[in-house]
Structures are given as C-alpha cells and as structure tokens.
Amino acid sequence: MKKILFLLLTVALFVNCDPKDVPEPKGAFNPQAVITIRAANGVKTRSTVSGLTALEVVQNAVNIKWQSHYFNDAYSESIKDIARTFIEAHRDLQTPALKMWGTDILYKEQEDSQIAIYKDFIHGFNVVITDNQNDTIAYIPDEVINNARLLIEAAFADENYTEVYRIFDEAFTFLPLTE
C-alpha cells in the first residue's frame, strides 16, 4: 500500500511540474568575451595639465603587470610577477579603454568542460600599466580589484555568467599617474 501511495505521489509531482518553474540559464560561457579597463570617474579623457589623459594611457599602454599569490590557479606563499601584453585590437580609442581576454578570469576546463575561475588577476595586487619604456603610466587600485573579485565570485557561484560578463565590462578602472 505504501508503494502505491508513493508511486501516486511521485506521478502527481511530475504532472504538476510546470516547465516555467525550471530556472532559465543565466548566460553561457563566452570564450570571445573581453574585460574592459576604463579610466576611473573624473579622469580627463583627452586633455589635462598634469599627467597623462585616459586616451594617452590607452595609446601608450604596452603591458599590464601585477603581483599575485596565484599563478595558473595554483596558490603559492611566494609572490608571483605576472604580465599581459596589449595588442592593437585591445585598445579602444573611442571610449578610451584597454581590453583583456575574459579567459584571463573565466575559462572552460578541457578535461570535463566545467567553467572555472583563474584567480591570478582577481587576487592580484600592485596592478600597473606600462609603456614601451617599461615605465608605469597608470595603475588599477587594489580596492578596484578586490571589489570586482567579490562581485565576480558571487555571480560565478550563482552560475550567472551574464552578470560575470557585465562585471567584466564595468568593474575595472585605471588611474593615470600624475607628474
């Protein structure tokens, strides 16, 4: 008798399931996504008396460098120096902004196709942008990286990739060095 009641209850649950009750996917992995690094609010876009403008930073940027305890997603007690080079396609002279590949943070594992986070950049500190003389011309404050990390990790835990990519587009800002 208990088996029959259990069977009837199970059938009733399946019959009452509404396809609308199934949560919709919150975006999908996008290997072509980019991270946008804009000038912080208040930074002059095109002309200033002291220091570089946002446009000059974007025009002259060659590398972004940072330090992290993570490298290739492995934690180390020692601090690692990490760098990425900007190619012409990663310079947005209209906005102005610099771009990094979204896969520098969010990637798909080859073994099991699971989406994962590289911790190297979002756990980074002392993030600087350098020119072709290797001089620092701008920096991303540690607070900006830390705030972005919290937002990215929360959206990732919720499997909300649309939100992760929105954060990629809005959370990262640089400040030019002044003279």
Protein backbone atom coordinates (compact mmCIF):
# COMPACT_ATOMS: atom_id res chain seq x y z
CA MET A 1 0.00 0.00 0.00
CA LYS A 2 2.83 2.38 0.87
CA LYS A 3 4.44 1.70 -2.50
CA ILE A 4 1.24 2.57 -4.34
CA LEU A 5 0.85 5.83 -2.39
CA PHE A 6 4.49 6.72 -3.05
CA LEU A 7 4.04 5.98 -6.77
CA LEU A 8 0.86 8.10 -6.95
CA LEU A 9 2.56 10.98 -5.12
CA THR A 10 5.56 10.80 -7.48
CA VAL A 11 3.28 10.83 -10.55
CA ALA A 12 1.33 13.78 -9.12
CA LEU A 13 4.55 15.74 -8.62
CA PHE A 14 5.67 15.15 -12.20
CA VAL A 15 2.26 16.02 -13.60
CA ASN A 16 2.22 19.27 -11.62
CA CYS A 17 5.68 20.37 -12.78
CA ASP A 18 5.42 23.46 -14.90
CA PRO A 19 8.24 23.95 -17.42
CA LYS A 20 8.17 27.60 -16.40
CA ASP A 21 9.34 26.54 -12.92
CA VAL A 22 12.67 25.34 -14.29
CA PRO A 23 15.16 28.20 -13.90
CA GLU A 24 16.38 29.68 -17.15
CA PRO A 25 20.11 29.59 -17.81
CA LYS A 26 21.83 32.77 -16.68
CA GLY A 27 24.05 33.13 -19.70
CA ALA A 28 26.66 30.85 -21.16
CA PHE A 29 30.42 30.67 -21.31
CA ASN A 30 31.76 33.06 -23.95
CA PRO A 31 35.41 32.46 -24.94
CA GLN A 32 35.34 35.69 -27.01
CA ALA A 33 34.38 37.90 -24.04
CA VAL A 34 36.73 40.68 -23.02
CA ILE A 35 37.45 42.55 -19.81
CA THR A 36 37.21 46.31 -20.23
CA ILE A 37 39.54 48.54 -18.22
CA ARG A 38 38.28 52.12 -18.41
CA ALA A 39 39.60 55.30 -16.89
CA ALA A 40 38.17 55.93 -13.41
CA ASN A 41 35.47 58.56 -12.99
CA GLY A 42 36.95 62.03 -13.02
CA VAL A 43 39.96 61.15 -15.20
CA LYS A 44 40.29 63.56 -18.08
CA THR A 45 39.61 61.83 -21.36
CA ARG A 46 41.50 63.97 -23.80
CA SER A 47 43.36 66.90 -22.22
CA THR A 48 44.90 67.63 -18.84
CA VAL A 49 47.55 69.91 -17.38
CA SER A 50 49.42 67.29 -15.35
CA GLY A 51 49.83 63.61 -16.01
CA LEU A 52 48.53 61.53 -18.88
CA THR A 53 44.97 61.60 -20.13
CA ALA A 54 42.91 58.42 -20.38
CA LEU A 55 43.41 58.45 -24.15
CA GLU A 56 47.18 58.82 -23.79
CA VAL A 57 47.28 55.88 -21.39
CA VAL A 58 45.39 53.70 -23.87
CA GLN A 59 47.56 54.86 -26.78
CA ASN A 60 50.82 54.22 -24.89
CA ALA A 61 49.95 51.08 -22.93
CA VAL A 62 52.07 48.05 -23.79
CA ASN A 63 51.67 45.79 -20.74
CA ILE A 64 49.54 45.24 -17.69
CA LYS A 65 51.54 43.81 -14.79
CA TRP A 66 50.53 42.63 -11.36
CA GLN A 67 51.58 40.52 -8.44
CA SER A 68 49.64 37.58 -7.06
CA HIS A 69 49.95 34.56 -4.82
CA TYR A 70 48.18 32.63 -7.60
CA PHE A 71 49.74 31.56 -10.86
CA ASN A 72 47.97 29.19 -13.27
CA ASP A 73 45.42 28.82 -10.49
CA ALA A 74 47.90 27.33 -8.02
CA TYR A 75 48.40 29.17 -4.72
CA SER A 76 51.94 29.94 -3.63
CA GLU A 77 53.27 31.57 -0.46
CA SER A 78 55.72 33.46 -2.64
CA ILE A 79 54.53 36.39 -4.71
CA LYS A 80 54.48 35.89 -8.49
CA ASP A 81 55.01 38.67 -11.03
CA ILE A 82 52.53 38.31 -13.91
CA ALA A 83 52.10 40.34 -17.11
CA ARG A 84 49.95 40.52 -20.23
CA THR A 85 50.67 42.48 -23.41
CA PHE A 86 48.11 44.70 -25.10
CA ILE A 87 47.72 44.24 -28.84
CA GLU A 88 46.16 46.91 -31.07
CA ALA A 89 42.82 45.09 -31.04
CA HIS A 90 42.74 45.55 -27.25
CA ARG A 91 42.84 49.35 -27.45
CA ASP A 92 39.52 51.17 -27.59
CA LEU A 93 40.47 54.72 -28.54
CA GLN A 94 36.84 55.89 -28.66
CA THR A 95 35.90 55.10 -25.05
CA PRO A 96 39.03 55.14 -24.25
CA ALA A 97 39.68 51.74 -22.62
CA LEU A 98 42.01 48.77 -22.63
CA LYS A 99 40.83 45.18 -23.08
CA MET A 100 41.96 41.82 -21.75
CA TRP A 101 40.60 38.43 -22.70
CA GLY A 102 37.75 37.26 -20.48
CA THR A 103 39.52 33.91 -20.37
CA ASP A 104 42.14 35.59 -18.18
CA ILE A 105 39.49 35.16 -15.46
CA LEU A 106 36.79 32.75 -16.65
CA TYR A 107 37.73 29.63 -18.63
CA LYS A 108 36.46 26.19 -19.56
CA GLU A 109 38.46 23.22 -18.30
CA GLN A 110 39.47 20.88 -21.12
CA GLU A 111 39.09 17.64 -19.18
CA ASP A 112 35.47 17.97 -18.11
CA SER A 113 34.24 21.19 -19.80
CA GLN A 114 33.47 22.74 -16.41
CA ILE A 115 33.66 26.53 -16.22
CA ALA A 116 36.23 27.74 -13.70
CA ILE A 117 37.88 30.94 -12.47
CA TYR A 118 41.57 31.79 -12.81
CA LYS A 119 42.44 33.52 -9.57
CA ASP A 120 45.67 35.11 -10.85
CA PHE A 121 44.21 38.52 -11.83
CA ILE A 122 41.25 38.87 -9.46
CA HIS A 123 43.50 38.05 -6.50
CA GLY A 124 46.21 40.34 -7.86
CA PHE A 125 47.63 43.49 -6.33
CA ASN A 126 50.03 46.25 -7.38
CA VAL A 127 48.41 46.25 -10.84
CA VAL A 128 50.16 48.68 -13.17
CA ILE A 129 50.02 49.59 -16.85
CA THR A 130 53.38 50.25 -18.51
CA ASP A 131 54.56 51.84 -21.75
CA ASN A 132 57.21 50.70 -24.24
CA GLN A 133 59.95 52.05 -21.92
CA ASN A 134 58.55 49.79 -19.16
CA ASP A 135 57.60 52.93 -17.21
CA THR A 136 54.40 52.82 -15.18
CA ILE A 137 51.84 55.16 -16.75
CA ALA A 138 48.70 54.09 -14.87
CA TYR A 139 47.51 51.70 -12.18
CA ILE A 140 44.39 49.86 -11.06
CA PRO A 141 43.83 50.44 -7.34
CA ASP A 142 43.84 47.27 -5.23
CA GLU A 143 40.38 48.23 -3.97
CA VAL A 144 39.01 48.06 -7.53
CA ILE A 145 40.40 44.53 -7.99
CA ASN A 146 39.13 43.40 -4.57
CA ASN A 147 35.61 44.77 -5.17
CA ALA A 148 35.45 43.21 -8.65
CA ARG A 149 36.63 39.86 -7.25
CA LEU A 150 33.80 39.77 -4.69
CA LEU A 151 31.21 40.54 -7.37
CA ILE A 152 32.66 38.06 -9.90
CA GLU A 153 32.92 35.24 -7.38
CA ALA A 154 29.33 35.82 -6.17
CA ALA A 155 27.94 35.84 -9.73
CA PHE A 156 30.04 32.79 -10.63
CA ALA A 157 28.79 30.88 -7.57
CA ASP A 158 25.24 31.68 -8.74
CA GLU A 159 26.21 30.42 -12.23
CA ASN A 160 25.13 33.80 -13.57
CA TYR A 161 27.57 34.21 -16.44
CA THR A 162 25.63 37.13 -17.88
CA GLU A 163 26.37 39.02 -14.66
CA VAL A 164 30.04 37.94 -14.69
CA TYR A 165 30.44 39.39 -18.19
CA ARG A 166 28.62 42.59 -17.16
CA ILE A 167 31.08 42.97 -14.30
CA PHE A 168 33.94 42.35 -16.74
CA ASP A 169 32.64 45.31 -18.74
CA GLU A 170 32.02 47.71 -15.85
CA ALA A 171 34.09 46.98 -12.73
CA PHE A 172 37.72 47.59 -13.75
CA THR A 173 39.08 51.15 -13.86
CA PHE A 174 42.56 52.66 -14.06
CA LEU A 175 44.08 55.89 -12.82
CA PRO A 176 46.88 57.59 -14.80
CA LEU A 177 49.96 58.57 -12.85
CA THR A 178 50.34 62.29 -12.31
CA GLU A 179 53.64 64.05 -12.91
